């Protein structure tokens, strides 16, 4: 008999994969909301381009979250921010890989 048209035919069931860095709590008290709004306004101004000003706001937002235990502390390099002036992404080169082996 053919299973064509049968419920669930051909569907592979996969195991869900958790996020790489786990989940983190939402900012219910809006402690980091002002800098987040500045970052989003910056992105809108530069039409989504990777500008240094927006990157600094993004970095500040992540630091705010780490300081208030809204995300696990991590180095800025692991979060995609290089050592500042020598970022490959800002020079148009290959972006740094945050995860080893990728």
PDB file of N, CA and C in Angstrom:
ATOM      1  N   UNK A   1       0.832  -1.182   0.000  1.00  0.00           N
ATOM      2  CA  UNK A   1       0.000   0.000   0.000  1.00  0.00           C
ATOM      3  C   UNK A   1       0.876   1.245   0.000  1.00  0.00           C
ATOM      4  N   UNK A   2       0.326   2.278  -0.518  1.00  0.00           N
ATOM      5  CA  UNK A   2       1.043   3.552  -0.577  1.00  0.00           C
ATOM      6  C   UNK A   2       0.705   4.397   0.645  1.00  0.00           C
ATOM      7  N   UNK A   3       1.697   5.137   1.127  1.00  0.00           N
ATOM      8  CA  UNK A   3       1.446   6.039   2.259  1.00  0.00           C
ATOM      9  C   UNK A   3       1.224   7.469   1.776  1.00  0.00           C
ATOM     10  N   UNK A   4       1.130   7.633   0.456  1.00  0.00           N
ATOM     11  CA  UNK A   4       0.919   8.970  -0.082  1.00  0.00           C
ATOM     12  C   UNK A   4      -0.411   9.516   0.407  1.00  0.00           C
ATOM     13  N   UNK A   5      -0.377  10.691   0.998  1.00  0.00           N
ATOM     14  CA  UNK A   5      -1.591  11.319   1.488  1.00  0.00           C
ATOM     15  C   UNK A   5      -1.960  10.929   2.903  1.00  0.00           C
ATOM     16  N   UNK A   6      -1.217  10.001   3.465  1.00  0.00           N
ATOM     17  CA  UNK A   6      -1.500   9.587   4.840  1.00  0.00           C
ATOM     18  C   UNK A   6      -1.042  10.677   5.798  1.00  0.00           C
ATOM     19  N   UNK A   7      -1.711  10.828   6.931  1.00  0.00           N
ATOM     20  CA  UNK A   7      -1.294  11.847   7.889  1.00  0.00           C
ATOM     21  C   UNK A   7       0.146  11.614   8.360  1.00  0.00           C
ATOM     22  N   UNK A   8       0.941  12.646   8.258  1.00  0.00           N
ATOM     23  CA  UNK A   8       2.326  12.559   8.715  1.00  0.00           C
ATOM     24  C   UNK A   8       3.268  11.874   7.757  1.00  0.00           C
ATOM     25  N   UNK A   9       2.808  11.581   6.561  1.00  0.00           N
ATOM     26  CA  UNK A   9       3.661  10.883   5.606  1.00  0.00           C
ATOM     27  C   UNK A   9       4.838  11.756   5.194  1.00  0.00           C
ATOM     28  N   UNK A  10       6.009  11.216   5.297  1.00  0.00           N
ATOM     29  CA  UNK A  10       7.203  11.922   4.854  1.00  0.00           C
ATOM     30  C   UNK A  10       7.729  12.964   5.831  1.00  0.00           C
ATOM     31  N   UNK A  11       7.094  13.140   6.956  1.00  0.00           N
ATOM     32  CA  UNK A  11       7.553  14.133   7.912  1.00  0.00           C
ATOM     33  C   UNK A  11       8.554  13.477   8.852  1.00  0.00           C
ATOM     34  N   UNK A  12       9.736  14.072   8.903  1.00  0.00           N
ATOM     35  CA  UNK A  12      10.757  13.578   9.822  1.00  0.00           C
ATOM     36  C   UNK A  12      10.624  14.327  11.133  1.00  0.00           C
ATOM     37  N   UNK A  13      10.629  13.600  12.212  1.00  0.00           N
ATOM     38  CA  UNK A  13      10.553  14.216  13.529  1.00  0.00           C
ATOM     39  C   UNK A  13      11.979  14.457  14.003  1.00  0.00           C
ATOM     40  N   UNK A  14      12.278  15.727  14.288  1.00  0.00           N
ATOM     41  CA  UNK A  14      13.618  16.075  14.750  1.00  0.00           C
ATOM     42  C   UNK A  14      13.561  16.543  16.196  1.00  0.00           C
ATOM     43  N   UNK A  15      14.644  16.321  16.869  1.00  0.00           N
ATOM     44  CA  UNK A  15      14.760  16.745  18.256  1.00  0.00           C
ATOM     45  C   UNK A  15      15.046  18.251  18.282  1.00  0.00           C
ATOM     46  N   UNK A  16      14.322  19.028  19.100  1.00  0.00           N
ATOM     47  CA  UNK A  16      14.596  20.463  19.157  1.00  0.00           C
ATOM     48  C   UNK A  16      16.006  20.752  19.667  1.00  0.00           C
ATOM     49  N   UNK A  17      16.613  21.792  19.123  1.00  0.00           N
ATOM     50  CA  UNK A  17      17.968  22.176  19.506  1.00  0.00           C
ATOM     51  C   UNK A  17      17.877  23.465  20.323  1.00  0.00           C
ATOM     52  N   UNK A  18      18.415  23.464  21.546  1.00  0.00           N
ATOM     53  CA  UNK A  18      18.357  24.682  22.365  1.00  0.00           C
ATOM     54  C   UNK A  18      19.277  25.763  21.797  1.00  0.00           C
ATOM     55  N   UNK A  19      19.024  27.042  22.129  1.00  0.00           N
ATOM     56  CA  UNK A  19      19.905  28.118  21.670  1.00  0.00           C
ATOM     57  C   UNK A  19      21.328  27.906  22.170  1.00  0.00           C
ATOM     58  N   UNK A  20      22.310  28.400  21.407  1.00  0.00           N
ATOM     59  CA  UNK A  20      23.721  28.207  21.761  1.00  0.00           C
ATOM     60  C   UNK A  20      24.064  28.782  23.131  1.00  0.00           C
ATOM     61  N   UNK A  21      23.536  29.940  23.443  1.00  0.00           N
ATOM     62  CA  UNK A  21      23.874  30.593  24.700  1.00  0.00           C
ATOM     63  C   UNK A  21      22.756  30.488  25.727  1.00  0.00           C
ATOM     64  N   UNK A  22      21.815  29.603  25.507  1.00  0.00           N
ATOM     65  CA  UNK A  22      20.719  29.420  26.449  1.00  0.00           C
ATOM     66  C   UNK A  22      19.715  30.553  26.370  1.00  0.00           C
ATOM     67  N   UNK A  23      18.737  30.506  27.220  1.00  0.00           N
ATOM     68  CA  UNK A  23      17.740  31.575  27.241  1.00  0.00           C
ATOM     69  C   UNK A  23      18.123  32.575  28.328  1.00  0.00           C
ATOM     70  N   UNK A  24      17.600  33.759  28.230  1.00  0.00           N
ATOM     71  CA  UNK A  24      17.885  34.765  29.234  1.00  0.00           C
ATOM     72  C   UNK A  24      16.602  35.520  29.538  1.00  0.00           C
ATOM     73  N   UNK A  25      16.473  36.065  30.744  1.00  0.00           N
ATOM     74  CA  UNK A  25      15.234  36.728  31.128  1.00  0.00           C
ATOM     75  C   UNK A  25      14.988  38.021  30.346  1.00  0.00           C
ATOM     76  N   UNK A  26      13.715  38.330  30.178  1.00  0.00           N
ATOM     77  CA  UNK A  26      13.333  39.582  29.533  1.00  0.00           C
ATOM     78  C   UNK A  26      13.569  40.734  30.493  1.00  0.00           C
ATOM     79  N   UNK A  27      13.702  41.900  29.947  1.00  0.00           N
ATOM     80  CA  UNK A  27      13.948  43.106  30.735  1.00  0.00           C
ATOM     81  C   UNK A  27      12.599  43.692  31.174  1.00  0.00           C
ATOM     82  N   UNK A  28      11.940  43.009  32.116  1.00  0.00           N
ATOM     83  CA  UNK A  28      10.602  43.424  32.551  1.00  0.00           C
ATOM     84  C   UNK A  28      10.592  44.807  33.190  1.00  0.00           C
ATOM     85  N   UNK A  29      11.666  45.187  33.850  1.00  0.00           N
ATOM     86  CA  UNK A  29      11.724  46.493  34.515  1.00  0.00           C
ATOM     87  C   UNK A  29      12.256  47.590  33.598  1.00  0.00           C
ATOM     88  N   UNK A  30      12.494  47.256  32.344  1.00  0.00           N
ATOM     89  CA  UNK A  30      12.968  48.204  31.324  1.00  0.00           C
ATOM     90  C   UNK A  30      14.246  48.923  31.758  1.00  0.00           C
ATOM     91  N   UNK A  31      15.128  48.207  32.414  1.00  0.00           N
ATOM     92  CA  UNK A  31      16.379  48.799  32.890  1.00  0.00           C
ATOM     93  C   UNK A  31      17.304  49.184  31.739  1.00  0.00           C
ATOM     94  N   UNK A  32      17.270  48.431  30.666  1.00  0.00           N
ATOM     95  CA  UNK A  32      18.154  48.699  29.530  1.00  0.00           C
ATOM     96  C   UNK A  32      17.378  49.231  28.321  1.00  0.00           C
ATOM     97  N   UNK A  33      16.132  49.581  28.514  1.00  0.00           N
ATOM     98  CA  UNK A  33      15.297  50.021  27.402  1.00  0.00           C
ATOM     99  C   UNK A  33      15.764  51.318  26.742  1.00  0.00           C
ATOM    100  N   UNK A  34      16.223  52.334  27.498  1.00  0.00           N
ATOM    101  CA  UNK A  34      16.656  53.566  26.824  1.00  0.00           C
ATOM    102  C   UNK A  34      17.772  53.341  25.803  1.00  0.00           C
ATOM    103  N   UNK A  35      18.776  52.550  26.163  1.00  0.00           N
ATOM    104  CA  UNK A  35      19.873  52.311  25.217  1.00  0.00           C
ATOM    105  C   UNK A  35      19.401  51.430  24.053  1.00  0.00           C
ATOM    106  N   UNK A  36      18.457  50.525  24.316  1.00  0.00           N
ATOM    107  CA  UNK A  36      17.921  49.698  23.245  1.00  0.00           C
ATOM    108  C   UNK A  36      17.189  50.574  22.229  1.00  0.00           C
ATOM    109  N   UNK A  37      16.418  51.548  22.720  1.00  0.00           N
ATOM    110  CA  UNK A  37      15.685  52.440  21.818  1.00  0.00           C
ATOM    111  C   UNK A  37      16.639  53.297  20.999  1.00  0.00           C
ATOM    112  N   UNK A  38      17.747  53.743  21.615  1.00  0.00           N
ATOM    113  CA  UNK A  38      18.755  54.510  20.875  1.00  0.00           C
ATOM    114  C   UNK A  38      19.370  53.652  19.777  1.00  0.00           C
ATOM    115  N   UNK A  39      19.644  52.384  20.101  1.00  0.00           N
ATOM    116  CA  UNK A  39      20.226  51.467  19.123  1.00  0.00           C
ATOM    117  C   UNK A  39      19.274  51.246  17.951  1.00  0.00           C
ATOM    118  N   UNK A  40      18.004  51.000  18.240  1.00  0.00           N
ATOM    119  CA  UNK A  40      17.031  50.781  17.173  1.00  0.00           C
ATOM    120  C   UNK A  40      16.854  52.032  16.314  1.00  0.00           C
ATOM    121  N   UNK A  41      16.880  53.215  16.939  1.00  0.00           N
ATOM    122  CA  UNK A  41      16.794  54.461  16.181  1.00  0.00           C
ATOM    123  C   UNK A  41      18.022  54.632  15.291  1.00  0.00           C
ATOM    124  N   UNK A  42      19.179  54.248  15.806  1.00  0.00           N
ATOM    125  CA  UNK A  42      20.417  54.318  15.030  1.00  0.00           C
ATOM    126  C   UNK A  42      20.329  53.417  13.802  1.00  0.00           C
ATOM    127  N   UNK A  43      19.845  52.195  13.997  1.00  0.00           N
ATOM    128  CA  UNK A  43      19.694  51.270  12.866  1.00  0.00           C
ATOM    129  C   UNK A  43      18.757  51.834  11.812  1.00  0.00           C
ATOM    130  N   UNK A  44      17.700  52.476  12.270  1.00  0.00           N
ATOM    131  CA  UNK A  44      16.738  53.067  11.336  1.00  0.00           C
ATOM    132  C   UNK A  44      17.389  54.213  10.559  1.00  0.00           C
ATOM    133  N   UNK A  45      18.194  55.015  11.242  1.00  0.00           N
ATOM    134  CA  UNK A  45      18.863  56.150  10.615  1.00  0.00           C
ATOM    135  C   UNK A  45      19.834  55.704   9.523  1.00  0.00           C
ATOM    136  N   UNK A  46      20.604  54.665   9.806  1.00  0.00           N
ATOM    137  CA  UNK A  46      21.614  54.202   8.836  1.00  0.00           C
ATOM    138  C   UNK A  46      21.062  53.100   7.930  1.00  0.00           C
ATOM    139  N   UNK A  47      19.761  52.891   7.989  1.00  0.00           N
ATOM    140  CA  UNK A  47      19.066  51.906   7.136  1.00  0.00           C
ATOM    141  C   UNK A  47      19.652  50.504   7.263  1.00  0.00           C
ATOM    142  N   UNK A  48      19.973  50.126   8.505  1.00  0.00           N
ATOM    143  CA  UNK A  48      20.420  48.760   8.790  1.00  0.00           C
ATOM    144  C   UNK A  48      21.874  48.480   8.481  1.00  0.00           C
ATOM    145  N   UNK A  49      22.624  49.477   8.044  1.00  0.00           N
ATOM    146  CA  UNK A  49      24.039  49.251   7.742  1.00  0.00           C
ATOM    147  C   UNK A  49      24.822  49.112   9.045  1.00  0.00           C
ATOM    148  N   UNK A  50      25.972  48.490   8.948  1.00  0.00           N
ATOM    149  CA  UNK A  50      26.817  48.226  10.119  1.00  0.00           C
ATOM    150  C   UNK A  50      27.684  49.448  10.411  1.00  0.00           C
ATOM    151  N   UNK A  51      27.099  50.437  11.096  1.00  0.00           N
ATOM    152  CA  UNK A  51      27.868  51.653  11.388  1.00  0.00           C
ATOM    153  C   UNK A  51      28.544  51.520  12.753  1.00  0.00           C
ATOM    154  N   UNK A  52      29.701  52.168  12.928  1.00  0.00           N
ATOM    155  CA  UNK A  52      30.408  52.108  14.216  1.00  0.00           C
ATOM    156  C   UNK A  52      29.572  52.674  15.368  1.00  0.00           C
ATOM    157  N   UNK A  53      28.773  53.713  15.088  1.00  0.00           N
ATOM    158  CA  UNK A  53      27.942  54.293  16.151  1.00  0.00           C
ATOM    159  C   UNK A  53      26.928  53.274  16.667  1.00  0.00           C
ATOM    160  N   UNK A  54      26.290  52.572  15.741  1.00  0.00           N
ATOM    161  CA  UNK A  54      25.292  51.572  16.139  1.00  0.00           C
ATOM    162  C   UNK A  54      25.944  50.396  16.856  1.00  0.00           C
ATOM    163  N   UNK A  55      27.148  50.027  16.411  1.00  0.00           N
ATOM    164  CA  UNK A  55      27.858  48.929  17.083  1.00  0.00           C
ATOM    165  C   UNK A  55      28.170  49.292  18.524  1.00  0.00           C
ATOM    166  N   UNK A  56      28.551  50.540  18.769  1.00  0.00           N
ATOM    167  CA  UNK A  56      28.838  50.973  20.139  1.00  0.00           C
ATOM    168  C   UNK A  56      27.576  50.937  20.997  1.00  0.00           C
ATOM    169  N   UNK A  57      26.442  51.330  20.425  1.00  0.00           N
ATOM    170  CA  UNK A  57      25.185  51.273  21.174  1.00  0.00           C
ATOM    171  C   UNK A  57      24.809  49.823  21.470  1.00  0.00           C
ATOM    172  N   UNK A  58      25.030  48.947  20.502  1.00  0.00           N
ATOM    173  CA  UNK A  58      24.750  47.535  20.701  1.00  0.00           C
ATOM    174  C   UNK A  58      25.630  46.964  21.807  1.00  0.00           C
ATOM    175  N   UNK A  59      26.871  47.343  21.787  1.00  0.00           N
ATOM    176  CA  UNK A  59      27.823  46.897  22.814  1.00  0.00           C
ATOM    177  C   UNK A  59      27.378  47.394  24.194  1.00  0.00           C
ATOM    178  N   UNK A  60      26.938  48.650  24.268  1.00  0.00           N
ATOM    179  CA  UNK A  60      26.454  49.214  25.525  1.00  0.00           C
ATOM    180  C   UNK A  60      25.213  48.500  26.030  1.00  0.00           C
ATOM    181  N   UNK A  61      24.335  48.124  25.103  1.00  0.00           N
ATOM    182  CA  UNK A  61      23.121  47.401  25.479  1.00  0.00           C
ATOM    183  C   UNK A  61      23.470  46.040  26.080  1.00  0.00           C
ATOM    184  N   UNK A  62      24.376  45.336  25.444  1.00  0.00           N
ATOM    185  CA  UNK A  62      24.777  44.024  25.960  1.00  0.00           C
ATOM    186  C   UNK A  62      25.471  44.156  27.316  1.00  0.00           C
ATOM    187  N   UNK A  63      26.290  45.186  27.470  1.00  0.00           N
ATOM    188  CA  UNK A  63      26.944  45.416  28.764  1.00  0.00           C
ATOM    189  C   UNK A  63      25.909  45.720  29.841  1.00  0.00           C
ATOM    190  N   UNK A  64      24.895  46.508  29.499  1.00  0.00           N
ATOM    191  CA  UNK A  64      23.816  46.825  30.443  1.00  0.00           C
ATOM    192  C   UNK A  64      23.126  45.532  30.892  1.00  0.00           C
ATOM    193  N   UNK A  65      22.830  44.650  29.953  1.00  0.00           N
ATOM    194  CA  UNK A  65      22.160  43.388  30.288  1.00  0.00           C
ATOM    195  C   UNK A  65      23.043  42.525  31.180  1.00  0.00           C
ATOM    196  N   UNK A  66      24.349  42.495  30.890  1.00  0.00           N
ATOM    197  CA  UNK A  66      25.249  41.678  31.707  1.00  0.00           C
ATOM    198  C   UNK A  66      25.372  42.243  33.120  1.00  0.00           C
ATOM    199  N   UNK A  67      25.445  43.571  33.238  1.00  0.00           N
ATOM    200  CA  UNK A  67      25.574  44.204  34.556  1.00  0.00           C
ATOM    201  C   UNK A  67      24.346  43.951  35.435  1.00  0.00           C
ATOM    202  N   UNK A  68      23.195  43.783  34.827  1.00  0.00           N
ATOM    203  CA  UNK A  68      21.950  43.594  35.578  1.00  0.00           C
ATOM    204  C   UNK A  68      21.511  42.130  35.629  1.00  0.00           C
ATOM    205  N   UNK A  69      22.430  41.221  35.301  1.00  0.00           N
ATOM    206  CA  UNK A  69      22.172  39.770  35.314  1.00  0.00           C
ATOM    207  C   UNK A  69      20.992  39.366  34.430  1.00  0.00           C
ATOM    208  N   UNK A  70      20.835  40.076  33.307  1.00  0.00           N
ATOM    209  CA  UNK A  70      19.800  39.710  32.344  1.00  0.00           C
ATOM    210  C   UNK A  70      20.366  38.806  31.260  1.00  0.00           C
ATOM    211  N   UNK A  71      21.666  38.623  31.295  1.00  0.00           N
ATOM    212  CA  UNK A  71      22.325  37.636  30.430  1.00  0.00           C
ATOM    213  C   UNK A  71      23.643  37.263  31.085  1.00  0.00           C
ATOM    214  N   UNK A  72      24.151  36.109  30.721  1.00  0.00           N
ATOM    215  CA  UNK A  72      25.403  35.628  31.307  1.00  0.00           C
ATOM    216  C   UNK A  72      26.557  36.517  30.868  1.00  0.00           C
ATOM    217  N   UNK A  73      27.437  36.862  31.799  1.00  0.00           N
ATOM    218  CA  UNK A  73      28.603  37.662  31.426  1.00  0.00           C
ATOM    219  C   UNK A  73      29.470  36.920  30.412  1.00  0.00           C
ATOM    220  N   UNK A  74      29.979  37.671  29.447  1.00  0.00           N
ATOM    221  CA  UNK A  74      30.842  37.096  28.423  1.00  0.00           C
ATOM    222  C   UNK A  74      31.721  38.211  27.889  1.00  0.00           C
ATOM    223  N   UNK A  75      32.825  37.855  27.280  1.00  0.00           N
ATOM    224  CA  UNK A  75      33.707  38.886  26.724  1.00  0.00           C
ATOM    225  C   UNK A  75      33.074  39.444  25.457  1.00  0.00           C
ATOM    226  N   UNK A  76      33.357  40.696  25.186  1.00  0.00           N
ATOM    227  CA  UNK A  76      32.804  41.345  23.995  1.00  0.00           C
ATOM    228  C   UNK A  76      33.301  40.660  22.723  1.00  0.00           C
ATOM    229  N   UNK A  77      34.496  40.116  22.767  1.00  0.00           N
ATOM    230  CA  UNK A  77      35.035  39.415  21.591  1.00  0.00           C
ATOM    231  C   UNK A  77      34.171  38.201  21.248  1.00  0.00           C
ATOM    232  N   UNK A  78      33.720  37.484  22.276  1.00  0.00           N
ATOM    233  CA  UNK A  78      32.860  36.321  22.045  1.00  0.00           C
ATOM    234  C   UNK A  78      31.480  36.718  21.544  1.00  0.00           C
ATOM    235  N   UNK A  79      31.093  37.965  21.775  1.00  0.00           N
ATOM    236  CA  UNK A  79      29.781  38.438  21.344  1.00  0.00           C
ATOM    237  C   UNK A  79      29.837  39.116  19.976  1.00  0.00           C
ATOM    238  N   UNK A  80      30.985  39.038  19.325  1.00  0.00           N
ATOM    239  CA  UNK A  80      31.096  39.567  17.976  1.00  0.00           C
ATOM    240  C   UNK A  80      31.742  40.933  17.881  1.00  0.00           C
ATOM    241  N   UNK A  81      32.230  41.452  19.003  1.00  0.00           N
ATOM    242  CA  UNK A  81      32.930  42.730  19.001  1.00  0.00           C
ATOM    243  C   UNK A  81      34.403  42.436  19.166  1.00  0.00           C
ATOM    244  N   UNK A  82      35.203  42.872  18.225  1.00  0.00           N
ATOM    245  CA  UNK A  82      36.642  42.627  18.299  1.00  0.00           C
ATOM    246  C   UNK A  82      37.277  43.535  19.327  1.00  0.00           C
ATOM    247  N   UNK A  83      38.518  43.854  19.104  1.00  0.00           N
ATOM    248  CA  UNK A  83      39.263  44.685  20.046  1.00  0.00           C
ATOM    249  C   UNK A  83      39.073  46.179  19.788  1.00  0.00           C
ATOM    250  N   UNK A  84      38.042  46.555  19.057  1.00  0.00           N
ATOM    251  CA  UNK A  84      37.761  47.975  18.842  1.00  0.00           C
ATOM    252  C   UNK A  84      38.207  48.445  17.481  1.00  0.00           C
ATOM    253  N   UNK A  85      39.367  49.115  17.409  1.00  0.00           N
ATOM    254  CA  UNK A  85      39.826  49.739  16.183  1.00  0.00           C
ATOM    255  C   UNK A  85      40.123  48.734  15.071  1.00  0.00           C
ATOM    256  N   UNK A  86      40.612  47.568  15.399  1.00  0.00           N
ATOM    257  CA  UNK A  86      41.057  46.629  14.390  1.00  0.00           C
ATOM    258  C   UNK A  86      40.012  45.610  13.967  1.00  0.00           C
ATOM    259  N   UNK A  87      38.721  45.898  14.152  1.00  0.00           N
ATOM    260  CA  UNK A  87      37.685  44.953  13.769  1.00  0.00           C
ATOM    261  C   UNK A  87      37.749  44.659  12.272  1.00  0.00           C
ATOM    262  N   UNK A  88      37.772  43.405  11.918  1.00  0.00           N
ATOM    263  CA  UNK A  88      37.804  43.030  10.508  1.00  0.00           C
ATOM    264  C   UNK A  88      36.518  43.431   9.805  1.00  0.00           C
ATOM    265  N   UNK A  89      35.382  43.344  10.507  1.00  0.00           N
ATOM    266  CA  UNK A  89      34.095  43.671   9.899  1.00  0.00           C
ATOM    267  C   UNK A  89      34.035  45.146   9.515  1.00  0.00           C
ATOM    268  N   UNK A  90      34.616  46.024  10.323  1.00  0.00           N
ATOM    269  CA  UNK A  90      34.593  47.451  10.020  1.00  0.00           C
ATOM    270  C   UNK A  90      35.492  47.786   8.835  1.00  0.00           C
ATOM    271  N   UNK A  91      36.544  46.985   8.618  1.00  0.00           N
ATOM    272  CA  UNK A  91      37.461  47.242   7.514  1.00  0.00           C
ATOM    273  C   UNK A  91      37.007  46.556   6.235  1.00  0.00           C
ATOM    274  N   UNK A  92      35.869  45.854   6.307  1.00  0.00           N
ATOM    275  CA  UNK A  92      35.365  45.171   5.127  1.00  0.00           C
ATOM    276  C   UNK A  92      35.947  43.792   4.937  1.00  0.00           C
ATOM    277  N   UNK A  93      36.659  43.301   5.907  1.00  0.00           N
ATOM    278  CA  UNK A  93      37.260  41.980   5.802  1.00  0.00           C
ATOM    279  C   UNK A  93      36.324  40.902   6.287  1.00  0.00           C
ATOM    280  N   UNK A  94      36.866  39.761   6.525  1.00  0.00           N
ATOM    281  CA  UNK A  94      36.087  38.631   7.000  1.00  0.00           C
ATOM    282  C   UNK A  94      35.710  38.848   8.462  1.00  0.00           C
ATOM    283  N   UNK A  95      34.422  38.690   8.841  1.00  0.00           N
ATOM    284  CA  UNK A  95      34.039  38.877  10.240  1.00  0.00           C
ATOM    285  C   UNK A  95      34.642  37.808  11.133  1.00  0.00           C
ATOM    286  N   UNK A  96      34.896  38.185  12.373  1.00  0.00           N
ATOM    287  CA  UNK A  96      35.442  37.226  13.325  1.00  0.00           C
ATOM    288  C   UNK A  96      34.394  36.165  13.645  1.00  0.00           C
ATOM    289  N   UNK A  97      34.837  34.975  13.877  1.00  0.00           N
ATOM    290  CA  UNK A  97      33.935  33.889  14.233  1.00  0.00           C
ATOM    291  C   UNK A  97      33.903  33.759  15.739  1.00  0.00           C
ATOM    292  N   UNK A  98      32.709  33.848  16.343  1.00  0.00           N
ATOM    293  CA  UNK A  98      32.582  33.761  17.792  1.00  0.00           C
ATOM    294  C   UNK A  98      32.683  32.324  18.283  1.00  0.00           C
ATOM    295  N   UNK A  99      32.368  31.375  17.401  1.00  0.00           N
ATOM    296  CA  UNK A  99      32.353  29.970  17.803  1.00  0.00           C
ATOM    297  C   UNK A  99      33.519  29.272  17.120  1.00  0.00           C
ATOM    298  N   UNK A 100      34.329  28.595  17.897  1.00  0.00           N
ATOM    299  CA  UNK A 100      35.499  27.919  17.355  1.00  0.00           C
ATOM    300  C   UNK A 100      35.072  26.828  16.387  1.00  0.00           C
ATOM    301  N   UNK A 101      35.768  26.736  15.288  1.00  0.00           N
ATOM    302  CA  UNK A 101      35.515  25.685  14.328  1.00  0.00           C
ATOM    303  C   UNK A 101      34.499  26.054  13.269  1.00  0.00           C
ATOM    304  N   UNK A 102      33.968  27.246  13.300  1.00  0.00           N
ATOM    305  CA  UNK A 102      32.978  27.633  12.272  1.00  0.00           C
ATOM    306  C   UNK A 102      33.519  28.765  11.451  1.00  0.00           C
TER     307      UNK A 102
END
